[in-house]
Amino acid sequence: MVGALPRVNIGRDHLRDEVKDIAPKLPSDNLFHNNLAQALECYHFGLEMVEVLKDMVENHKEYVSRRVELTFLKGAEGIGAVEAPRGLLIHHYVFGRDGRVERANVITPTAMNFEHMEVSLNHYLPPLMPQSEDALKWESERLIRAYDPCISCSAHVTRIGELG
């Protein structure tokens, strides 16, 4: 799994004390804690922003924008990765000698989590099978949305059928 829960699990010691005080016992392997981990990250970085702004005001620091000149290499290939709110996001582009994109591959956190979502459903739902189809659908959607998939995936992913 990629996203807030693994980040908070791994980086708990780096969270501000105010955040640690309200955090559940971590690390957690409870998938439903992912949304809580997102909230903890928001709180942590909100507090960090307040400190940065206070420092700027108290020490009369000015924001200095940096202008960066980008050069475009024709016939080049580039790969970039960034930790995004939902998890790791990877871009890979190949440019032809004419400067046009010949190949592009974007690997999203939802794509990385998709197999784990299926495995989680196959473990989570069987004990709930005596429940109604509506209840199973609700539990499935709840589990899938705990992964915080992209909106189109979260809205169209649930079909109740055979598990396994």
Foldseek 3Di string as FASTA:
>chain_A
DFAQLVCCQVCVVVFDPVLNVPDDDDDDPPLLCRVVSLVSVVVRVVVVVVVVVVCCVVVVNDDDDDDDDDDQDAQDKDKDWDQDRLGIKIWIFGHHNVRHTPDIDIQDSCNVCVVVLLVCLLVPCPVVVVDDPVVNQVVSLSSSCSSVDPPVCSVPPDDDDDRD
